[in-house]
Protein backbone atom coordinates (compact mmCIF):
# COMPACT_ATOMS: atom_id res chain seq x y z
CA MET A 1 0.08 0.17 0.03
CA SER A 2 1.08 3.55 -0.58
CA PHE A 3 2.49 5.48 2.18
CA ARG A 4 0.16 8.72 3.28
CA GLN A 5 0.51 11.52 5.34
CA LEU A 6 -1.83 13.61 7.20
CA VAL A 7 -0.80 17.36 7.99
CA VAL A 8 -3.18 19.47 9.80
CA TRP A 9 -2.66 23.17 10.47
CA SER A 10 -4.83 24.70 13.33
CA ALA A 11 -5.12 27.64 16.07
CA LEU A 12 -5.92 27.15 19.42
CA SER A 13 -8.43 29.67 19.53
CA CYS A 14 -10.41 28.14 16.62
CA VAL A 15 -13.21 25.98 17.75
CA TRP A 16 -13.34 23.85 14.75
CA CYS A 17 -9.51 23.38 15.04
CA ALA A 18 -9.64 22.34 18.88
CA GLU A 19 -10.13 18.51 17.86
CA PRO A 20 -6.99 18.28 15.39
CA VAL A 21 -5.11 19.75 18.40
CA SER A 22 -6.42 17.04 20.55
CA LEU A 23 -5.92 14.29 18.15
CA GLN A 24 -2.37 15.51 17.87
CA ASN A 25 -1.77 14.94 21.63
CA THR A 26 -3.30 11.36 21.56
CA ARG A 27 -2.21 9.82 18.27
CA ALA A 28 0.12 11.91 16.22
CA MET A 29 3.82 11.82 16.10
CA PRO A 30 5.49 14.77 17.67
CA VAL A 31 7.30 17.09 15.31
CA SER A 32 9.30 20.49 15.54
CA ARG A 33 7.54 23.56 14.72
CA PRO A 34 7.57 24.53 10.99
CA SER A 35 9.69 27.11 9.60
CA HIS A 36 6.93 28.71 7.28
CA ASN A 37 5.88 32.06 7.95
CA ILE A 38 2.36 31.58 9.05
CA ASP A 39 -0.02 34.56 9.96
CA ILE A 40 -1.94 32.35 12.96
CA ASP A 41 -0.90 32.90 16.49
CA ASP A 42 -0.25 29.52 18.71
CA THR A 43 -0.04 27.19 15.26
CA HIS A 44 0.17 23.63 15.89
CA HIS A 45 1.80 21.61 13.05
CA PHE A 46 1.65 18.07 13.27
CA HIS A 47 1.59 14.86 10.78
CA MET A 48 0.34 11.22 10.96
CA ASP A 49 1.51 8.14 9.18
CA PHE A 50 -1.06 5.74 7.35
CA HIS A 51 -0.77 3.00 5.10
CA ASP A 52 -4.69 2.78 4.24
CA GLU A 53 -6.64 5.64 2.77
CA ASP A 54 -9.68 4.20 4.31
CA GLU A 55 -8.16 4.61 7.64
CA LEU A 56 -7.28 7.83 7.32
CA TYR A 57 -10.75 9.06 6.23
CA ALA A 58 -12.70 7.23 8.88
CA LEU A 59 -10.23 8.50 11.63
CA PHE A 60 -10.58 12.16 10.34
CA PHE A 61 -14.26 11.88 10.64
CA ASP A 62 -14.27 10.18 13.87
CA GLU A 63 -11.86 12.35 15.76
CA VAL A 64 -11.92 15.66 13.83
CA VAL A 65 -15.27 16.23 11.91
CA ILE A 66 -17.83 14.85 14.53
CA PRO A 67 -16.41 16.13 17.66
CA SER A 68 -15.94 19.46 16.10
CA LYS A 69 -19.51 19.74 14.96
CA LYS A 70 -20.58 18.81 18.69
CA ARG A 71 -18.15 21.23 20.14
CA LEU A 72 -19.32 24.10 17.79
CA ALA A 73 -22.94 23.31 18.65
CA GLU A 74 -22.35 23.60 22.51
CA GLU A 75 -20.31 26.86 21.91
CA LEU A 76 -23.32 28.46 20.13
CA ASP A 77 -26.17 27.11 21.98
CA PRO A 78 -25.08 25.93 25.50
CA HIS A 79 -27.73 24.11 27.36
CA VAL A 80 -29.14 25.85 30.75
CA PHE A 81 -30.38 23.28 33.25
CA VAL A 82 -33.43 24.76 35.08
CA GLY A 83 -34.46 23.54 38.16
CA ARG A 84 -36.13 24.57 41.70
CA ARG A 85 -32.91 26.15 42.71
CA ASN A 86 -31.97 28.42 39.81
CA ALA A 87 -35.61 29.01 38.09
CA SER A 88 -35.75 32.42 39.71
CA ALA A 89 -32.41 33.69 38.79
CA VAL A 90 -32.55 32.27 35.12
CA LEU A 91 -35.86 33.99 34.63
CA GLY A 92 -34.57 37.19 36.11
CA GLN A 93 -31.55 36.87 33.52
CA CYS A 94 -33.59 36.18 30.62
CA SER A 95 -36.08 39.20 31.42
CA MET A 96 -32.89 41.51 31.68
CA HIS A 97 -31.64 40.52 28.41
CA MET A 98 -33.66 38.73 26.04
CA ASN A 99 -37.17 39.56 26.90
CA LYS A 100 -36.66 43.51 27.03
CA ARG A 101 -34.87 43.16 23.68
CA ILE A 102 -38.27 41.23 22.27
CA LEU A 103 -40.69 43.55 23.94
CA GLU A 104 -39.05 46.63 22.56
CA ALA A 105 -39.29 45.31 19.05
CA ASP A 106 -42.42 45.85 16.67
CA ASN A 107 -42.00 42.07 15.22
CA LYS A 108 -40.64 39.02 16.54
CA LEU A 109 -39.10 38.31 13.13
CA ILE A 110 -38.81 40.11 9.91
CA ILE A 111 -37.80 38.17 6.53
CA LEU A 112 -36.05 40.26 4.12
CA GLY A 113 -36.92 38.73 0.70
CA ALA A 114 -39.83 36.93 -0.63
CA GLY A 115 -38.11 34.35 -3.02
CA PRO A 116 -38.08 30.55 -2.21
CA ALA A 117 -35.60 30.98 0.73
CA GLY A 118 -37.75 33.79 2.37
CA LEU A 119 -40.90 32.20 1.64
CA THR A 120 -39.79 28.75 3.08
CA ALA A 121 -38.64 30.63 6.19
CA ALA A 122 -41.77 32.05 6.39
CA VAL A 123 -43.48 29.09 6.28
CA TYR A 124 -41.51 27.59 9.32
CA ALA A 125 -41.37 30.59 11.17
CA ALA A 126 -45.16 31.11 10.98
CA ARG A 127 -45.70 27.42 11.77
CA ALA A 128 -43.56 28.08 14.88
CA GLY A 129 -45.70 31.01 16.19
CA MET A 130 -43.07 33.71 15.41
CA ASP A 131 -45.61 35.84 13.48
CA PRO A 132 -42.84 36.66 10.61
CA LEU A 133 -42.97 39.79 8.73
CA VAL A 134 -41.75 39.17 5.04
CA VAL A 135 -40.65 42.65 3.47
CA SER A 136 -39.76 42.59 -0.21
CA LYS A 137 -40.49 44.80 -3.34
CA ASP A 138 -40.85 41.45 -5.75
CA GLY A 139 -40.33 37.83 -5.86
CA GLY A 140 -36.80 37.94 -6.89
CA GLN A 141 -35.28 35.87 -9.55
CA LEU A 142 -38.15 33.32 -9.62
CA GLU A 143 -40.13 35.79 -11.35
CA ALA A 144 -37.88 35.79 -14.27
CA THR A 145 -38.15 31.91 -14.60
CA SER A 146 -40.96 30.22 -16.76
CA ARG A 147 -41.10 26.53 -15.57
CA ILE A 148 -39.29 24.70 -12.89
CA ASP A 149 -38.72 21.06 -13.06
CA ASN A 150 -36.48 20.32 -10.41
CA PHE A 151 -38.43 21.47 -7.34
CA PRO A 152 -39.67 18.33 -5.31
CA GLY A 153 -43.36 17.25 -5.28
CA PHE A 154 -44.25 18.39 -8.88
CA GLU A 155 -44.02 15.31 -10.99
CA GLU A 156 -44.79 17.64 -14.19
CA GLY A 157 -42.99 20.59 -13.19
CA VAL A 158 -44.56 23.68 -11.97
CA ASP A 159 -44.84 27.61 -13.19
CA ALA A 160 -42.74 29.70 -11.21
CA VAL A 161 -44.90 32.37 -10.54
CA ASP A 162 -47.67 29.78 -9.37
CA LEU A 163 -44.93 28.12 -7.18
CA LEU A 164 -44.31 31.85 -5.62
CA ILE A 165 -48.13 32.43 -4.90
CA GLY A 166 -48.58 28.83 -3.69
CA LEU A 167 -45.77 29.38 -1.11
CA THR A 168 -47.10 33.13 0.02
CA HIS A 169 -50.73 31.66 0.39
CA GLN A 170 -49.34 28.69 2.68
CA ALA A 171 -47.40 31.20 4.47
CA GLU A 172 -50.39 33.59 5.05
CA ARG A 173 -52.35 30.42 6.21
CA PHE A 174 -50.07 29.89 9.27
CA GLY A 175 -49.91 33.76 10.14
CA ALA A 176 -47.32 35.23 8.22
CA LYS A 177 -47.73 38.94 6.98
CA PHE A 178 -46.21 40.84 4.11
CA LYS A 179 -45.18 44.31 3.51
CA SER A 180 -44.26 45.50 -0.14
CA CYS A 181 -41.41 47.94 0.55
CA GLU A 182 -38.03 48.81 -1.29
CA ILE A 183 -35.56 48.64 1.49
CA ASP A 184 -33.46 51.59 2.04
CA SER A 185 -31.24 50.73 5.00
CA VAL A 186 -30.87 47.90 7.74
CA HIS A 187 -29.27 48.82 11.06
CA LEU A 188 -27.63 45.71 12.59
CA ASP A 189 -25.29 47.67 15.05
CA CYS A 190 -28.01 47.79 18.11
CA ARG A 191 -31.13 46.25 19.11
CA PRO A 192 -33.86 45.71 18.24
CA PHE A 193 -32.75 45.66 14.61
CA ARG A 194 -34.26 48.39 12.38
CA VAL A 195 -35.34 47.99 8.67
CA GLN A 196 -36.21 51.37 6.76
CA CYS A 197 -38.30 51.67 3.72
CA THR A 198 -37.35 54.40 0.94
CA SER A 199 -40.94 55.39 1.85
CA GLY A 200 -40.05 56.44 5.29
CA LEU A 201 -41.61 53.55 7.20
CA GLU A 202 -39.51 51.91 9.92
CA MET A 203 -40.06 48.50 11.38
CA THR A 204 -38.07 46.84 14.11
CA SER A 205 -37.57 43.26 15.12
CA SER A 206 -35.67 41.38 17.56
CA SER A 207 -34.21 38.97 14.77
CA LEU A 208 -33.82 38.98 10.93
CA ILE A 209 -33.65 36.40 8.32
CA LEU A 210 -31.66 37.97 5.37
CA ALA A 211 -32.86 36.34 2.23
CA SER A 212 -32.86 38.96 -0.34
CA GLY A 213 -31.31 36.95 -3.32
CA ALA A 214 -28.80 38.05 -5.89
CA ARG A 215 -28.94 39.79 -9.26
CA THR A 216 -27.63 39.49 -12.85
CA LYS A 217 -24.16 40.05 -13.58
CA TRP A 218 -23.60 42.28 -16.50
CA LEU A 219 -20.44 42.23 -18.94
CA GLU A 220 -19.78 45.82 -18.62
CA VAL A 221 -18.68 46.62 -22.37
CA PRO A 222 -19.55 49.53 -24.47
CA GLY A 223 -22.99 49.71 -25.42
CA GLU A 224 -24.41 47.67 -22.97
CA GLU A 225 -26.17 50.25 -20.96
CA GLN A 226 -27.19 51.97 -23.92
CA TYR A 227 -29.07 49.04 -25.44
CA LEU A 228 -30.15 47.57 -22.31
CA SER A 229 -34.01 46.59 -22.94
CA ARG A 230 -33.76 47.45 -26.61
CA GLY A 231 -31.56 44.32 -27.46
CA VAL A 232 -29.71 43.61 -24.43
CA HIS A 233 -31.70 41.37 -21.80
CA SER A 234 -30.86 38.99 -18.94
CA CYS A 235 -34.40 37.22 -18.88
CA ALA A 236 -35.35 35.00 -21.89
CA THR A 237 -38.89 34.27 -20.40
CA CYS A 238 -39.49 37.83 -20.03
CA ASP A 239 -38.25 39.27 -23.23
CA GLY A 240 -37.68 36.09 -25.58
CA TYR A 241 -41.43 36.51 -27.03
CA PHE A 242 -40.20 39.72 -28.93
CA TYR A 243 -37.53 37.99 -30.87
CA ARG A 244 -39.57 35.08 -32.66
CA GLY A 245 -37.92 34.57 -35.76
CA LYS A 246 -34.95 36.43 -35.08
CA ASN A 247 -31.17 35.75 -34.41
CA VAL A 248 -30.31 35.79 -30.88
CA ALA A 249 -27.20 35.33 -28.72
CA VAL A 250 -26.81 33.82 -24.91
CA VAL A 251 -23.83 34.74 -23.21
CA GLY A 252 -22.51 32.06 -20.53
CA GLY A 253 -21.79 28.63 -19.66
CA GLY A 254 -23.80 27.50 -16.60
CA ASP A 255 -27.42 25.94 -16.18
CA THR A 256 -28.95 29.30 -16.52
CA ALA A 257 -27.54 30.23 -19.96
CA MET A 258 -28.47 26.67 -20.95
CA GLU A 259 -31.98 27.20 -19.90
CA GLN A 260 -32.25 30.26 -21.67
CA ALA A 261 -30.55 29.13 -24.80
CA LEU A 262 -33.22 26.16 -24.93
CA PHE A 263 -36.36 28.45 -24.17
CA LEU A 264 -35.25 30.88 -26.81
CA ALA A 265 -34.86 28.09 -29.22
CA ARG A 266 -38.48 27.56 -29.41
CA MET A 267 -39.02 30.60 -31.04
CA ALA A 268 -35.99 32.20 -32.40
CA GLU A 269 -34.87 31.65 -35.92
CA LYS A 270 -31.27 30.71 -34.69
CA VAL A 271 -29.59 30.74 -30.85
CA THR A 272 -25.83 31.37 -30.68
CA VAL A 273 -24.43 30.43 -27.27
CA ILE A 274 -21.31 32.71 -26.37
CA HIS A 275 -18.88 31.27 -24.07
CA ARG A 276 -15.44 32.53 -22.84
CA ARG A 277 -13.87 29.22 -22.02
CA ASP A 278 -13.47 25.72 -23.90
CA SER A 279 -15.97 23.89 -21.79
CA PHE A 280 -19.36 24.59 -20.12
CA ARG A 281 -19.75 24.48 -16.44
CA ALA A 282 -23.50 23.58 -16.76
CA SER A 283 -24.82 20.29 -15.60
CA LYS A 284 -24.18 17.16 -18.17
CA ALA A 285 -27.89 16.89 -18.91
CA MET A 286 -28.42 20.72 -19.65
CA ALA A 287 -25.02 20.87 -21.84
CA THR A 288 -26.33 17.79 -23.70
CA ARG A 289 -29.50 19.23 -24.69
CA VAL A 290 -28.02 22.42 -26.03
CA LEU A 291 -25.22 20.64 -27.95
CA SER A 292 -27.67 18.37 -29.71
CA HIS A 293 -30.23 21.00 -30.37
CA PRO A 294 -30.16 21.73 -34.44
CA HIS A 295 -30.94 25.41 -33.88
CA ILE A 296 -28.16 26.28 -31.59
CA GLU A 297 -24.61 27.22 -32.41
CA ILE A 298 -21.66 27.27 -29.88
CA LEU A 299 -18.90 29.78 -30.05
CA TRP A 300 -16.16 28.60 -27.78
CA GLU A 301 -13.62 30.86 -26.06
CA THR A 302 -15.20 33.87 -27.37
CA THR A 303 -16.01 37.32 -25.76
CA ILE A 304 -18.40 40.48 -26.47
CA LEU A 305 -16.43 43.28 -27.25
CA GLU A 306 -18.90 45.71 -27.84
CA TYR A 307 -22.72 46.09 -28.43
CA LEU A 308 -23.48 47.71 -31.86
CA GLY A 309 -26.23 49.79 -33.50
CA SER A 310 -27.44 50.30 -36.94
CA HIS A 311 -24.83 53.28 -37.52
CA GLN A 312 -21.80 50.88 -36.49
CA MET A 313 -22.84 47.71 -38.72
CA PRO A 314 -20.85 47.21 -41.95
CA GLN A 315 -23.13 47.58 -44.81
CA ASN A 316 -22.78 44.13 -46.01
CA LEU A 317 -24.11 42.87 -42.64
CA SER A 318 -27.72 42.88 -41.31
CA THR A 319 -29.95 41.16 -38.88
CA SER A 320 -32.92 39.35 -39.54
CA ALA A 321 -35.23 42.01 -38.87
CA LYS A 322 -37.65 42.40 -41.78
CA ASP A 323 -38.90 45.61 -43.28
CA GLY A 324 -42.00 46.59 -41.28
CA ASP A 325 -40.95 44.88 -38.11
CA ASP A 326 -41.32 46.84 -34.94
CA HIS A 327 -37.32 46.90 -34.54
CA SER A 328 -36.39 50.30 -34.07
CA SER A 329 -33.37 51.61 -35.65
CA ASP A 330 -32.16 52.52 -32.48
CA ASP A 331 -32.16 48.99 -31.24
CA LEU A 332 -29.18 46.65 -31.10
CA LYS A 333 -28.09 45.31 -34.50
CA GLY A 334 -24.76 43.18 -33.70
CA ILE A 335 -21.93 42.54 -31.76
CA ARG A 336 -18.37 42.62 -31.94
CA ILE A 337 -16.69 39.54 -30.66
CA ARG A 338 -13.30 38.24 -30.14
CA THR A 339 -12.43 34.64 -30.40
CA ASN A 340 -9.41 32.53 -29.51
CA ALA A 341 -8.14 30.81 -32.95
CA GLU A 342 -6.20 27.72 -33.18
CA PRO A 343 -2.46 28.58 -32.81
CA ASN A 344 -0.48 28.80 -35.96
CA GLU A 345 2.50 26.74 -37.21
CA SER A 346 4.99 28.22 -34.76
CA GLY A 347 2.69 27.67 -31.78
CA GLU A 348 1.69 31.27 -31.35
CA SER A 349 -1.83 32.01 -30.11
CA GLN A 350 -4.20 33.71 -32.47
CA GLN A 351 -7.20 35.87 -31.93
CA GLU A 352 -10.19 36.50 -34.56
CA VAL A 353 -12.15 39.97 -34.08
CA ARG A 354 -15.39 39.96 -36.10
CA THR A 355 -18.79 41.67 -36.04
CA LEU A 356 -21.86 39.14 -35.53
CA PRO A 357 -25.25 40.44 -36.70
CA ILE A 358 -27.54 39.75 -33.85
CA ASP A 359 -31.03 40.98 -32.95
CA GLY A 360 -30.73 40.26 -29.22
CA VAL A 361 -28.46 39.41 -26.55
CA PHE A 362 -29.22 37.24 -23.19
CA VAL A 363 -26.53 37.73 -20.66
CA ALA A 364 -26.37 34.99 -18.27
CA VAL A 365 -22.76 34.98 -16.64
CA GLY A 366 -23.92 34.97 -12.92
CA HIS A 367 -25.06 36.90 -10.20
CA THR A 368 -24.19 39.45 -7.48
CA PRO A 369 -25.72 39.05 -4.07
CA ASN A 370 -27.86 41.67 -2.68
CA THR A 371 -26.17 42.45 0.43
CA GLU A 372 -24.79 46.01 0.04
CA LEU A 373 -27.18 46.90 2.89
CA PHE A 374 -26.10 44.29 5.33
CA GLY A 375 -22.80 46.08 6.28
CA GLY A 376 -22.85 44.81 10.05
CA VAL A 377 -22.39 40.96 8.99
CA LYS A 378 -19.21 39.60 7.66
CA ARG A 379 -19.15 38.85 4.12
CA ASP A 380 -16.66 37.58 1.51
CA GLU A 381 -14.95 39.45 -1.37
CA TYR A 382 -17.67 38.68 -3.62
CA GLY A 383 -20.53 40.05 -1.11
CA TYR A 384 -21.85 36.75 -0.16
CA ILE A 385 -22.50 36.49 3.70
CA TYR A 386 -20.47 34.22 5.77
CA THR A 387 -22.26 31.46 7.89
CA VAL A 388 -21.42 29.00 10.30
CA PRO A 389 -21.09 25.60 8.13
CA GLY A 390 -24.27 23.72 7.93
CA SER A 391 -26.30 26.54 9.51
CA THR A 392 -27.81 29.93 8.61
CA LEU A 393 -26.02 31.76 11.68
CA THR A 394 -24.33 34.79 10.65
CA SER A 395 -21.62 36.92 12.54
CA VAL A 396 -24.40 38.76 14.12
CA THR A 397 -26.41 37.26 16.83
CA GLY A 398 -30.12 36.94 15.90
CA VAL A 399 -29.30 37.63 12.28
CA TYR A 400 -29.60 34.76 9.75
CA ALA A 401 -28.89 34.44 6.06
CA ALA A 402 -30.80 32.15 3.70
CA GLY A 403 -30.53 31.33 0.17
CA ASP A 404 -28.34 33.04 -2.63
CA VAL A 405 -27.04 35.59 -0.19
CA SER A 406 -25.19 33.13 1.97
CA PHE A 407 -21.29 32.21 1.35
CA HIS A 408 -20.79 29.62 -1.46
CA CYS A 409 -18.39 26.74 -0.99
CA VAL A 410 -17.68 26.88 -4.88
CA ASP A 411 -16.31 29.87 -6.74
CA PRO A 412 -19.14 32.25 -7.28
CA CYS A 413 -17.60 33.89 -10.49
CA TYR A 414 -18.46 33.13 -13.81
């Protein structure tokens, strides 16, 4: 069997890392401190020798993962044993801290966001007697989707809007309340937490669930803002109808891009998928459907440089718009693209820049979390909210994150 080694780096102050330290003391071979430069105080470095990969994997779960999870639960939710001798003291302590905070708030719980995550939280919170107030201006990204085939319980799929309506009615049946409001600010620095709308309305709560979702990420190339909603879109189900019998492009390589391409292929004359990489990141099922579709063409390793109007198009190129169409001369007419071509005989990489006549472009290159208003919680470099692994707990007590706003273990960038 091959010789294997387990190397663990940990800090004494880390709850998750406490068990590896204990594992070192009980089973690891002692070694001297490493000479590497590390920005962690009280660092422990040790290794263990194994001759079996299964043994290493099982021991890591038994000695590190499971004990760390139990230890973390104890740290975050310590059990208080209430009996005859300490009942009065515990009651008084709770009254001074928790009860005072709850009584000062207008709501027990406010949920920011009315997408699937927010509505699911509303259903469970309402059933638990929390009387949640759901605050949102719309239903989030789901409103831009047509049919959902991967939601459990719907054998033939379900219409996205119908799903939102059903979840809303279900939450209302158990006592959840809804408020249509565009949020202006969220104050997490003191309790009760304050949520202020652009209308001036202010609401307070002793706890918050952040479920505000994410928004479309754009290419940010010349002409994009100019032709937004006049040839540049992000929602095929919303705007695809206007491109019946026309040539359209979808930018992206994930499941969203595949779904939009397949939807547009039902009505467009031709769909061109533009992807900057040489392979899709979409699921195999979605990618296979796109690759095998007769009306969909793939442009690999290609990026859009500029969106073009009629005055920028070469005279020998034109879109599929026919005379008499309601396609305005001020609308998008084409795009300038750059494609990585095959290396030449000397092995040097080559690039081809050309103009592609197109009537509409649907951008599907990822999303940005709607977390700008939540400055009080810790977020990563992309804006996603950090949560304790396996939970919705954020860095602020009483504030929870659900859905697309929470930290992703995979790279959220396209």
